[in-house]
Amino acid sequence: MSRENVELVRQVYEAVARRESASVLALYDSEVEWDGSRLPEASLDGESVTRGHYGLRKSTRDWANAWESFEDECEELIDAGEHVISVVTRRGRGRASGAEMSTLRAGVWTIREGKVARVVWFPTRDEALEAVGLRE
């Protein structure tokens, strides 16, 4: 099953890159939990944990409105048994400031019944690995 889980997360990133929001949401459980509370920018918008399709759409829309352009480059997917870890470089240019940013983050994805049920974001790959009991 873990190979299928890795493929599901890959499909999410591919659909996001194509900006196919309906395809992206179809891969998430309707009660998905998206937890960014461990990221440094979590305190900026006050909403560090998002739930459900509505919350995910709202959070994504708010993020897109703040940036002139942005993209996530998935650099690595790690099969971690019941979880998948994604290592991502996020790049963007601020809409108001024009400032460019680039930051690394790692997500721990939990898949249930063929859908993304939960994603928890960490500032580093090592923290994500540790969260699932792996160390390098």
N, C-alpha and C. Protein backbone atom coordinates (compact mmCIF):
# COMPACT_ATOMS: atom_id res chain seq x y z
N MET A 1 0.81 -1.20 0.00
CA MET A 1 0.00 0.00 0.00
C MET A 1 0.85 1.26 0.00
N SER A 2 2.03 1.21 0.59
CA SER A 2 2.82 2.44 0.71
C SER A 2 3.25 2.98 -0.64
N ARG A 3 3.48 2.11 -1.62
CA ARG A 3 3.82 2.59 -2.96
C ARG A 3 2.65 3.38 -3.55
N GLU A 4 1.44 2.91 -3.32
CA GLU A 4 0.25 3.62 -3.79
C GLU A 4 0.11 4.97 -3.08
N ASN A 5 0.48 5.02 -1.80
CA ASN A 5 0.41 6.28 -1.06
C ASN A 5 1.38 7.31 -1.63
N VAL A 6 2.59 6.87 -1.95
CA VAL A 6 3.58 7.77 -2.56
C VAL A 6 3.05 8.28 -3.89
N GLU A 7 2.46 7.41 -4.67
CA GLU A 7 1.91 7.82 -5.96
C GLU A 7 0.77 8.82 -5.79
N LEU A 8 -0.06 8.64 -4.78
CA LEU A 8 -1.15 9.58 -4.53
C LEU A 8 -0.60 10.97 -4.22
N VAL A 9 0.41 11.06 -3.38
CA VAL A 9 1.01 12.36 -3.05
C VAL A 9 1.63 12.98 -4.30
N ARG A 10 2.27 12.17 -5.12
CA ARG A 10 2.83 12.67 -6.38
C ARG A 10 1.72 13.26 -7.26
N GLN A 11 0.58 12.59 -7.30
CA GLN A 11 -0.56 13.08 -8.08
C GLN A 11 -1.05 14.43 -7.56
N VAL A 12 -1.02 14.61 -6.24
CA VAL A 12 -1.42 15.91 -5.67
C VAL A 12 -0.51 17.01 -6.22
N TYR A 13 0.81 16.79 -6.12
CA TYR A 13 1.75 17.81 -6.60
C TYR A 13 1.60 18.08 -8.10
N GLU A 14 1.37 17.05 -8.87
CA GLU A 14 1.19 17.23 -10.31
C GLU A 14 -0.07 18.03 -10.62
N ALA A 15 -1.16 17.75 -9.91
CA ALA A 15 -2.41 18.48 -10.13
C ALA A 15 -2.28 19.94 -9.67
N VAL A 16 -1.57 20.16 -8.57
CA VAL A 16 -1.33 21.53 -8.10
C VAL A 16 -0.53 22.29 -9.15
N ALA A 17 0.50 21.67 -9.70
CA ALA A 17 1.34 22.34 -10.71
C ALA A 17 0.53 22.71 -11.95
N ARG A 18 -0.49 21.91 -12.26
CA ARG A 18 -1.34 22.20 -13.42
C ARG A 18 -2.47 23.17 -13.05
N ARG A 19 -2.55 23.54 -11.76
CA ARG A 19 -3.59 24.45 -11.24
C ARG A 19 -4.99 23.87 -11.45
N GLU A 20 -5.12 22.55 -11.26
CA GLU A 20 -6.41 21.86 -11.40
C GLU A 20 -7.01 21.64 -10.02
N SER A 21 -7.68 22.66 -9.51
CA SER A 21 -8.17 22.59 -8.13
C SER A 21 -9.17 21.46 -7.91
N ALA A 22 -10.02 21.18 -8.87
CA ALA A 22 -10.99 20.09 -8.69
C ALA A 22 -10.26 18.75 -8.59
N SER A 23 -9.22 18.56 -9.40
CA SER A 23 -8.44 17.33 -9.34
C SER A 23 -7.71 17.20 -8.02
N VAL A 24 -7.21 18.33 -7.52
CA VAL A 24 -6.50 18.32 -6.23
C VAL A 24 -7.47 17.92 -5.13
N LEU A 25 -8.61 18.59 -5.04
CA LEU A 25 -9.57 18.31 -3.97
C LEU A 25 -10.08 16.88 -4.02
N ALA A 26 -10.18 16.30 -5.20
CA ALA A 26 -10.65 14.93 -5.33
C ALA A 26 -9.71 13.94 -4.66
N LEU A 27 -8.46 14.33 -4.44
CA LEU A 27 -7.47 13.46 -3.82
C LEU A 27 -7.47 13.57 -2.29
N TYR A 28 -8.19 14.55 -1.76
CA TYR A 28 -8.26 14.78 -0.32
C TYR A 28 -9.58 14.27 0.26
N ASP A 29 -9.51 13.70 1.45
CA ASP A 29 -10.70 13.33 2.20
C ASP A 29 -11.49 14.61 2.49
N SER A 30 -12.79 14.51 2.53
CA SER A 30 -13.62 15.71 2.76
C SER A 30 -13.37 16.33 4.13
N GLU A 31 -12.83 15.56 5.07
CA GLU A 31 -12.53 16.06 6.42
C GLU A 31 -11.03 16.24 6.64
N VAL A 32 -10.27 16.45 5.59
CA VAL A 32 -8.82 16.56 5.68
C VAL A 32 -8.40 17.61 6.72
N GLU A 33 -7.28 17.33 7.37
CA GLU A 33 -6.68 18.30 8.29
C GLU A 33 -5.32 18.69 7.72
N TRP A 34 -5.07 19.99 7.60
CA TRP A 34 -3.85 20.56 7.03
C TRP A 34 -3.23 21.40 8.12
N ASP A 35 -2.13 20.92 8.70
CA ASP A 35 -1.53 21.52 9.89
C ASP A 35 -0.18 22.18 9.57
N GLY A 36 -0.17 23.49 9.55
CA GLY A 36 1.05 24.25 9.33
C GLY A 36 1.56 24.93 10.58
N SER A 37 1.09 24.47 11.74
CA SER A 37 1.40 25.16 13.00
C SER A 37 2.87 25.12 13.38
N ARG A 38 3.64 24.21 12.80
CA ARG A 38 5.06 24.10 13.14
C ARG A 38 5.95 24.97 12.25
N LEU A 39 5.37 25.61 11.25
CA LEU A 39 6.14 26.44 10.33
C LEU A 39 6.33 27.84 10.89
N PRO A 40 7.45 28.47 10.58
CA PRO A 40 7.72 29.82 11.11
C PRO A 40 6.65 30.84 10.73
N GLU A 41 6.07 30.72 9.55
CA GLU A 41 5.07 31.69 9.11
C GLU A 41 3.67 31.42 9.66
N ALA A 42 3.51 30.41 10.47
CA ALA A 42 2.19 30.03 10.99
C ALA A 42 1.50 31.16 11.72
N SER A 43 2.23 31.97 12.42
CA SER A 43 1.61 33.04 13.20
C SER A 43 1.18 34.23 12.35
N LEU A 44 1.55 34.25 11.08
CA LEU A 44 1.25 35.42 10.25
C LEU A 44 -0.23 35.57 9.93
N ASP A 45 -0.93 34.47 9.68
CA ASP A 45 -2.33 34.60 9.29
C ASP A 45 -3.31 34.14 10.36
N GLY A 46 -2.81 33.60 11.45
CA GLY A 46 -3.69 33.20 12.54
C GLY A 46 -4.38 31.87 12.33
N GLU A 47 -4.32 31.31 11.13
CA GLU A 47 -4.96 30.02 10.86
C GLU A 47 -3.89 29.01 10.50
N SER A 48 -3.38 28.32 11.48
CA SER A 48 -2.31 27.38 11.18
C SER A 48 -2.81 25.96 10.95
N VAL A 49 -4.06 25.68 11.32
CA VAL A 49 -4.65 24.37 11.06
C VAL A 49 -5.95 24.59 10.28
N THR A 50 -6.06 23.92 9.15
CA THR A 50 -7.22 24.05 8.27
C THR A 50 -7.90 22.70 8.20
N ARG A 51 -9.22 22.70 8.15
CA ARG A 51 -9.96 21.44 8.10
C ARG A 51 -10.98 21.44 6.96
N GLY A 52 -11.09 20.30 6.34
CA GLY A 52 -12.10 20.08 5.31
C GLY A 52 -11.77 20.74 3.98
N HIS A 53 -12.55 20.39 2.97
CA HIS A 53 -12.35 20.96 1.64
C HIS A 53 -12.55 22.46 1.65
N TYR A 54 -13.57 22.93 2.37
CA TYR A 54 -13.82 24.37 2.42
C TYR A 54 -12.60 25.10 3.00
N GLY A 55 -12.08 24.61 4.11
CA GLY A 55 -10.92 25.24 4.73
C GLY A 55 -9.70 25.21 3.84
N LEU A 56 -9.50 24.11 3.14
CA LEU A 56 -8.36 23.98 2.23
C LEU A 56 -8.50 24.96 1.06
N ARG A 57 -9.70 25.07 0.50
CA ARG A 57 -9.93 26.03 -0.59
C ARG A 57 -9.70 27.46 -0.13
N LYS A 58 -10.22 27.80 1.05
CA LYS A 58 -10.07 29.16 1.58
C LYS A 58 -8.60 29.48 1.85
N SER A 59 -7.91 28.58 2.48
CA SER A 59 -6.50 28.79 2.79
C SER A 59 -5.67 28.95 1.51
N THR A 60 -5.94 28.12 0.52
CA THR A 60 -5.23 28.19 -0.75
C THR A 60 -5.54 29.50 -1.47
N ARG A 61 -6.78 29.92 -1.45
CA ARG A 61 -7.18 31.18 -2.08
C ARG A 61 -6.51 32.37 -1.39
N ASP A 62 -6.50 32.36 -0.05
CA ASP A 62 -5.85 33.45 0.70
C ASP A 62 -4.36 33.50 0.38
N TRP A 63 -3.71 32.34 0.31
CA TRP A 63 -2.28 32.28 -0.01
C TRP A 63 -2.04 32.83 -1.42
N ALA A 64 -2.85 32.38 -2.38
CA ALA A 64 -2.67 32.82 -3.77
C ALA A 64 -2.88 34.32 -3.91
N ASN A 65 -3.80 34.90 -3.14
CA ASN A 65 -4.04 36.34 -3.20
C ASN A 65 -2.87 37.16 -2.68
N ALA A 66 -2.07 36.58 -1.81
CA ALA A 66 -0.94 37.30 -1.22
C ALA A 66 0.30 37.29 -2.13
N TRP A 67 0.30 36.43 -3.13
CA TRP A 67 1.50 36.24 -3.95
C TRP A 67 1.21 36.53 -5.41
N GLU A 68 2.12 37.26 -6.03
CA GLU A 68 2.03 37.50 -7.47
C GLU A 68 2.26 36.19 -8.21
N SER A 69 3.22 35.43 -7.72
CA SER A 69 3.48 34.10 -8.28
C SER A 69 4.06 33.23 -7.17
N PHE A 70 3.79 31.94 -7.26
CA PHE A 70 4.38 31.00 -6.32
C PHE A 70 4.32 29.61 -6.93
N GLU A 71 5.21 28.76 -6.45
CA GLU A 71 5.21 27.37 -6.88
C GLU A 71 5.87 26.52 -5.80
N ASP A 72 5.44 25.30 -5.74
CA ASP A 72 6.06 24.31 -4.87
C ASP A 72 6.76 23.30 -5.77
N GLU A 73 8.03 23.10 -5.50
CA GLU A 73 8.78 22.08 -6.24
C GLU A 73 9.03 20.91 -5.30
N CYS A 74 8.36 19.80 -5.59
CA CYS A 74 8.54 18.60 -4.77
C CYS A 74 9.86 17.96 -5.18
N GLU A 75 10.80 17.96 -4.25
CA GLU A 75 12.13 17.45 -4.54
C GLU A 75 12.32 15.99 -4.17
N GLU A 76 11.49 15.52 -3.23
CA GLU A 76 11.66 14.15 -2.76
C GLU A 76 10.37 13.65 -2.13
N LEU A 77 10.03 12.41 -2.40
CA LEU A 77 8.94 11.72 -1.72
C LEU A 77 9.53 10.50 -1.06
N ILE A 78 9.27 10.36 0.24
CA ILE A 78 9.85 9.28 1.03
C ILE A 78 8.74 8.38 1.55
N ASP A 79 8.83 7.12 1.23
CA ASP A 79 7.90 6.12 1.75
C ASP A 79 8.24 5.89 3.21
N ALA A 80 7.34 6.25 4.10
CA ALA A 80 7.58 6.11 5.53
C ALA A 80 6.52 5.20 6.15
N GLY A 81 6.28 4.06 5.52
CA GLY A 81 5.30 3.12 6.06
C GLY A 81 3.88 3.63 5.90
N GLU A 82 3.24 3.97 6.99
CA GLU A 82 1.86 4.48 6.91
C GLU A 82 1.81 5.92 6.44
N HIS A 83 2.95 6.56 6.32
CA HIS A 83 3.01 7.97 5.93
C HIS A 83 3.87 8.14 4.69
N VAL A 84 3.74 9.31 4.09
CA VAL A 84 4.61 9.73 3.00
C VAL A 84 5.18 11.08 3.42
N ILE A 85 6.48 11.25 3.24
CA ILE A 85 7.10 12.54 3.53
C ILE A 85 7.44 13.20 2.21
N SER A 86 7.03 14.46 2.07
CA SER A 86 7.41 15.23 0.89
C SER A 86 8.38 16.31 1.33
N VAL A 87 9.43 16.49 0.55
CA VAL A 87 10.39 17.56 0.79
C VAL A 87 10.21 18.54 -0.36
N VAL A 88 9.88 19.79 -0.02
CA VAL A 88 9.41 20.76 -0.99
C VAL A 88 10.17 22.07 -0.86
N THR A 89 10.51 22.66 -1.99
CA THR A 89 10.99 24.03 -2.00
C THR A 89 9.85 24.90 -2.49
N ARG A 90 9.46 25.86 -1.68
CA ARG A 90 8.40 26.80 -2.06
C ARG A 90 9.06 28.11 -2.45
N ARG A 91 8.70 28.60 -3.64
CA ARG A 91 9.21 29.87 -4.14
C ARG A 91 8.04 30.79 -4.45
N GLY A 92 8.25 32.06 -4.22
CA GLY A 92 7.19 33.00 -4.55
C GLY A 92 7.69 34.43 -4.62
N ARG A 93 6.83 35.29 -5.18
CA ARG A 93 7.09 36.72 -5.24
C ARG A 93 5.85 37.41 -4.65
N GLY A 94 6.08 38.22 -3.62
CA GLY A 94 4.98 38.90 -2.95
C GLY A 94 4.23 39.84 -3.87
N ARG A 95 2.91 39.82 -3.78
CA ARG A 95 2.08 40.67 -4.64
C ARG A 95 2.30 42.16 -4.34
N ALA A 96 2.30 42.52 -3.08
CA ALA A 96 2.44 43.93 -2.72
C ALA A 96 3.90 44.38 -2.71
N SER A 97 4.78 43.56 -2.18
CA SER A 97 6.17 43.97 -1.98
C SER A 97 7.08 43.66 -3.17
N GLY A 98 6.72 42.66 -3.95
CA GLY A 98 7.60 42.22 -5.02
C GLY A 98 8.78 41.40 -4.51
N ALA A 99 8.85 41.22 -3.19
CA ALA A 99 9.96 40.46 -2.60
C ALA A 99 9.86 38.99 -2.99
N GLU A 100 11.01 38.41 -3.25
CA GLU A 100 11.07 37.00 -3.58
C GLU A 100 11.44 36.19 -2.35
N MET A 101 10.88 34.99 -2.26
CA MET A 101 11.22 34.11 -1.16
C MET A 101 11.40 32.71 -1.69
N SER A 102 12.19 31.96 -0.94
CA SER A 102 12.38 30.54 -1.23
C SER A 102 12.60 29.87 0.12
N THR A 103 11.83 28.84 0.38
CA THR A 103 11.94 28.16 1.66
C THR A 103 11.72 26.66 1.49
N LEU A 104 12.41 25.90 2.29
CA LEU A 104 12.26 24.45 2.28
C LEU A 104 11.27 24.07 3.37
N ARG A 105 10.47 23.06 3.12
CA ARG A 105 9.55 22.51 4.10
C ARG A 105 9.34 21.04 3.81
N ALA A 106 8.89 20.33 4.81
CA ALA A 106 8.64 18.90 4.64
C ALA A 106 7.27 18.57 5.22
N GLY A 107 6.51 17.80 4.49
CA GLY A 107 5.18 17.41 4.93
C GLY A 107 5.11 15.94 5.26
N VAL A 108 4.38 15.62 6.31
CA VAL A 108 4.07 14.24 6.65
C VAL A 108 2.61 14.02 6.26
N TRP A 109 2.42 13.20 5.25
CA TRP A 109 1.10 12.94 4.68
C TRP A 109 0.55 11.63 5.23
N THR A 110 -0.68 11.65 5.67
CA THR A 110 -1.37 10.45 6.12
C THR A 110 -2.48 10.15 5.13
N ILE A 111 -2.48 8.94 4.61
CA ILE A 111 -3.46 8.52 3.61
C ILE A 111 -4.38 7.49 4.25
N ARG A 112 -5.68 7.68 4.07
CA ARG A 112 -6.67 6.70 4.54
C ARG A 112 -7.67 6.44 3.43
N GLU A 113 -7.88 5.17 3.16
CA GLU A 113 -8.86 4.75 2.15
C GLU A 113 -8.64 5.47 0.82
N GLY A 114 -7.37 5.62 0.43
CA GLY A 114 -7.04 6.18 -0.87
C GLY A 114 -7.15 7.68 -1.01
N LYS A 115 -7.29 8.38 0.13
CA LYS A 115 -7.40 9.85 0.11
C LYS A 115 -6.44 10.43 1.14
N VAL A 116 -6.02 11.67 0.91
CA VAL A 116 -5.19 12.38 1.88
C VAL A 116 -6.08 12.78 3.05
N ALA A 117 -5.77 12.26 4.23
CA ALA A 117 -6.56 12.55 5.43
C ALA A 117 -5.94 13.65 6.29
N ARG A 118 -4.61 13.75 6.23
CA ARG A 118 -3.93 14.73 7.09
C ARG A 118 -2.56 15.04 6.51
N VAL A 119 -2.16 16.31 6.61
CA VAL A 119 -0.81 16.72 6.25
C VAL A 119 -0.30 17.62 7.37
N VAL A 120 0.86 17.29 7.90
CA VAL A 120 1.49 18.11 8.93
C VAL A 120 2.80 18.61 8.36
N TRP A 121 3.01 19.93 8.40
CA TRP A 121 4.18 20.56 7.82
C TRP A 121 5.24 20.87 8.85
N PHE A 122 6.49 20.64 8.47
CA PHE A 122 7.65 20.89 9.33
C PHE A 122 8.65 21.77 8.59
N PRO A 123 9.44 22.55 9.33
CA PRO A 123 10.42 23.41 8.68
C PRO A 123 11.61 22.67 8.08
N THR A 124 11.84 21.42 8.49
CA THR A 124 12.99 20.69 7.96
C THR A 124 12.62 19.24 7.67
N ARG A 125 13.39 18.65 6.80
CA ARG A 125 13.26 17.23 6.45
C ARG A 125 13.50 16.37 7.69
N ASP A 126 14.54 16.71 8.46
CA ASP A 126 14.87 15.93 9.65
C ASP A 126 13.73 15.91 10.66
N GLU A 127 13.05 17.05 10.85
CA GLU A 127 11.92 17.09 11.79
C GLU A 127 10.77 16.21 11.31
N ALA A 128 10.53 16.19 10.00
CA ALA A 128 9.47 15.32 9.46
C ALA A 128 9.83 13.86 9.64
N LEU A 129 11.09 13.52 9.35
CA LEU A 129 11.53 12.14 9.56
C LEU A 129 11.38 11.72 11.01
N GLU A 130 11.78 12.59 11.90
CA GLU A 130 11.68 12.28 13.33
C GLU A 130 10.23 12.10 13.77
N ALA A 131 9.33 12.88 13.18
CA ALA A 131 7.90 12.81 13.54
C ALA A 131 7.31 11.43 13.23
N VAL A 132 7.88 10.73 12.25
CA VAL A 132 7.37 9.40 11.91
C VAL A 132 8.28 8.29 12.42
N GLY A 133 9.23 8.67 13.27
CA GLY A 133 10.10 7.69 13.90
C GLY A 133 11.30 7.27 13.08
N LEU A 134 11.67 8.07 12.08
CA LEU A 134 12.84 7.77 11.25
C LEU A 134 13.92 8.82 11.52
N ARG A 135 15.15 8.39 11.41
CA ARG A 135 16.28 9.32 11.55
C ARG A 135 17.30 8.96 10.52
N GLU A 136 18.03 9.97 10.06
CA GLU A 136 19.12 9.71 9.11
C GLU A 136 20.45 10.12 9.70
